[in-house]
Amino acid sequence: MTKTPRKHAALIKAWADGAEIETRYDETFGWTPALPPYWHYDKQYRIKPTSFTKRIRITAGNEPDGIYVIYKDNNNNLELTFDSEGVLIEAKVL
């Protein structure tokens, strides 16, 4: 008979081996450090990513008092990659 692993088994093993774990309740909340992780069945957990990428659209123009910039999340023209601390490590024009 094959045993089914518990819901967070792989993450618990990674945490035991030193991985940093983040948690959130659902998609409407952001990821936060799980210090320590409590492994609630109804929460989401993940290994803290080493970097993340955000694609945005930047539109700039002139106004009488200077240049304006608008950031949007659709029709992306710029890809920004950050390290796990939020420091920009790469920028690409799409």
C-alpha atoms as a PDB file:
ATOM      1  CA  MET A   1       0.000   0.000   0.000  1.00  0.00           C
ATOM      2  CA  THR A   2       1.424   3.395  -1.085  1.00  0.00           C
ATOM      3  CA  LYS A   3       1.226   6.199   1.431  1.00  0.00           C
ATOM      4  CA  THR A   4       0.107   9.639   0.292  1.00  0.00           C
ATOM      5  CA  PRO A   5       2.467  12.391   1.529  1.00  0.00           C
ATOM      6  CA  ARG A   6       0.988  15.092   3.736  1.00  0.00           C
ATOM      7  CA  LYS A   7       0.045  18.399   2.073  1.00  0.00           C
ATOM      8  CA  HIS A   8       3.229  20.356   2.930  1.00  0.00           C
ATOM      9  CA  ALA A   9       5.657  17.427   3.209  1.00  0.00           C
ATOM     10  CA  ALA A  10       8.091  18.541   0.485  1.00  0.00           C
ATOM     11  CA  LEU A  11       8.230  22.101   1.848  1.00  0.00           C
ATOM     12  CA  ILE A  12       8.717  20.879   5.407  1.00  0.00           C
ATOM     13  CA  LYS A  13      11.676  18.785   4.232  1.00  0.00           C
ATOM     14  CA  ALA A  14      13.142  21.775   2.329  1.00  0.00           C
ATOM     15  CA  TRP A  15      12.698  23.980   5.434  1.00  0.00           C
ATOM     16  CA  ALA A  16      14.444  21.352   7.578  1.00  0.00           C
ATOM     17  CA  ASP A  17      17.346  21.499   5.103  1.00  0.00           C
ATOM     18  CA  GLY A  18      17.611  25.310   5.489  1.00  0.00           C
ATOM     19  CA  ALA A  19      15.258  26.759   2.850  1.00  0.00           C
ATOM     20  CA  GLU A  20      13.518  30.054   3.672  1.00  0.00           C
ATOM     21  CA  ILE A  21       9.724  29.601   3.638  1.00  0.00           C
ATOM     22  CA  GLU A  22       7.084  32.223   2.818  1.00  0.00           C
ATOM     23  CA  THR A  23       3.347  32.022   3.478  1.00  0.00           C
ATOM     24  CA  ARG A  24       0.062  33.645   2.452  1.00  0.00           C
ATOM     25  CA  TYR A  25      -3.578  32.945   3.120  1.00  0.00           C
ATOM     26  CA  ASP A  26      -4.753  33.228  -0.507  1.00  0.00           C
ATOM     27  CA  GLU A  27      -4.045  35.103  -3.746  1.00  0.00           C
ATOM     28  CA  THR A  28      -5.425  38.412  -2.372  1.00  0.00           C
ATOM     29  CA  PHE A  29      -2.592  38.657   0.177  1.00  0.00           C
ATOM     30  CA  GLY A  30       1.121  38.979  -0.515  1.00  0.00           C
ATOM     31  CA  TRP A  31       3.804  36.519   0.476  1.00  0.00           C
ATOM     32  CA  THR A  32       5.436  37.090   3.885  1.00  0.00           C
ATOM     33  CA  PRO A  33       8.224  35.264   5.732  1.00  0.00           C
ATOM     34  CA  ALA A  34       6.968  32.312   7.773  1.00  0.00           C
ATOM     35  CA  LEU A  35       9.020  32.629  10.956  1.00  0.00           C
ATOM     36  CA  PRO A  36       8.676  29.839  11.919  1.00  0.00           C
ATOM     37  CA  PRO A  37       6.275  28.106   9.539  1.00  0.00           C
ATOM     38  CA  TYR A  38       3.287  26.602  11.348  1.00  0.00           C
ATOM     39  CA  TRP A  39       2.121  24.484   8.387  1.00  0.00           C
ATOM     40  CA  HIS A  40      -1.587  25.331   8.585  1.00  0.00           C
ATOM     41  CA  TYR A  41      -3.580  23.212   6.168  1.00  0.00           C
ATOM     42  CA  ASP A  42      -5.532  26.210   4.787  1.00  0.00           C
ATOM     43  CA  LYS A  43      -2.484  28.437   4.131  1.00  0.00           C
ATOM     44  CA  GLN A  44      -0.189  28.467   1.119  1.00  0.00           C
ATOM     45  CA  TYR A  45       3.566  28.036   1.520  1.00  0.00           C
ATOM     46  CA  ARG A  46       6.501  28.268  -0.861  1.00  0.00           C
ATOM     47  CA  ILE A  47      10.273  28.387  -0.825  1.00  0.00           C
ATOM     48  CA  LYS A  48      11.328  32.045  -0.937  1.00  0.00           C
ATOM     49  CA  PRO A  49      12.294  32.760  -4.544  1.00  0.00           C
ATOM     50  CA  THR A  50      15.822  33.927  -5.279  1.00  0.00           C
ATOM     51  CA  SER A  51      14.509  36.478  -7.784  1.00  0.00           C
ATOM     52  CA  PHE A  52      11.253  37.617  -9.359  1.00  0.00           C
ATOM     53  CA  THR A  53      10.247  39.305 -12.602  1.00  0.00           C
ATOM     54  CA  LYS A  54       7.644  42.008 -13.134  1.00  0.00           C
ATOM     55  CA  ARG A  55       6.454  43.142 -16.554  1.00  0.00           C
ATOM     56  CA  ILE A  56       4.995  46.640 -16.828  1.00  0.00           C
ATOM     57  CA  ARG A  57       4.193  49.261 -19.429  1.00  0.00           C
ATOM     58  CA  ILE A  58       5.747  52.692 -19.072  1.00  0.00           C
ATOM     59  CA  THR A  59       4.349  55.660 -20.952  1.00  0.00           C
ATOM     60  CA  ALA A  60       6.049  59.040 -20.678  1.00  0.00           C
ATOM     61  CA  GLY A  61       5.169  62.455 -22.002  1.00  0.00           C
ATOM     62  CA  ASN A  62       5.703  66.158 -21.486  1.00  0.00           C
ATOM     63  CA  GLU A  63       3.612  68.524 -19.410  1.00  0.00           C
ATOM     64  CA  PRO A  64       4.192  72.197 -18.577  1.00  0.00           C
ATOM     65  CA  ASP A  65       5.710  71.302 -15.207  1.00  0.00           C
ATOM     66  CA  GLY A  66       7.904  68.457 -16.483  1.00  0.00           C
ATOM     67  CA  ILE A  67       7.811  64.861 -17.663  1.00  0.00           C
ATOM     68  CA  TYR A  68       5.158  62.427 -16.459  1.00  0.00           C
ATOM     69  CA  VAL A  69       5.422  58.650 -16.329  1.00  0.00           C
ATOM     70  CA  ILE A  70       2.491  56.204 -16.168  1.00  0.00           C
ATOM     71  CA  TYR A  71       2.935  52.590 -15.065  1.00  0.00           C
ATOM     72  CA  LYS A  72       0.422  49.999 -16.262  1.00  0.00           C
ATOM     73  CA  ASP A  73       0.133  46.223 -15.981  1.00  0.00           C
ATOM     74  CA  ASN A  74      -1.063  45.612 -19.541  1.00  0.00           C
ATOM     75  CA  ASN A  75       0.553  45.878 -22.991  1.00  0.00           C
ATOM     76  CA  ASN A  76       3.913  45.446 -21.311  1.00  0.00           C
ATOM     77  CA  ASN A  77       7.018  47.055 -22.789  1.00  0.00           C
ATOM     78  CA  LEU A  78       9.493  46.577 -19.939  1.00  0.00           C
ATOM     79  CA  GLU A  79      10.591  43.526 -17.935  1.00  0.00           C
ATOM     80  CA  LEU A  80      12.239  44.132 -14.562  1.00  0.00           C
ATOM     81  CA  THR A  81      13.988  41.374 -12.584  1.00  0.00           C
ATOM     82  CA  PHE A  82      14.667  41.825  -8.865  1.00  0.00           C
ATOM     83  CA  ASP A  83      16.626  39.756  -6.371  1.00  0.00           C
ATOM     84  CA  SER A  84      14.901  38.319  -3.314  1.00  0.00           C
ATOM     85  CA  GLU A  85      15.487  41.592  -1.406  1.00  0.00           C
ATOM     86  CA  GLY A  86      13.767  43.674  -4.106  1.00  0.00           C
ATOM     87  CA  VAL A  87      16.936  45.137  -5.642  1.00  0.00           C
ATOM     88  CA  LEU A  88      16.770  45.564  -9.430  1.00  0.00           C
ATOM     89  CA  ILE A  89      19.247  43.206 -11.116  1.00  0.00           C
ATOM     90  CA  GLU A  90      18.115  43.347 -14.767  1.00  0.00           C
ATOM     91  CA  ALA A  91      15.901  45.448 -17.028  1.00  0.00           C
ATOM     92  CA  LYS A  92      14.822  44.476 -20.573  1.00  0.00           C
ATOM     93  CA  VAL A  93      12.880  46.474 -23.125  1.00  0.00           C
ATOM     94  CA  LEU A  94      10.309  44.147 -24.700  1.00  0.00           C
END
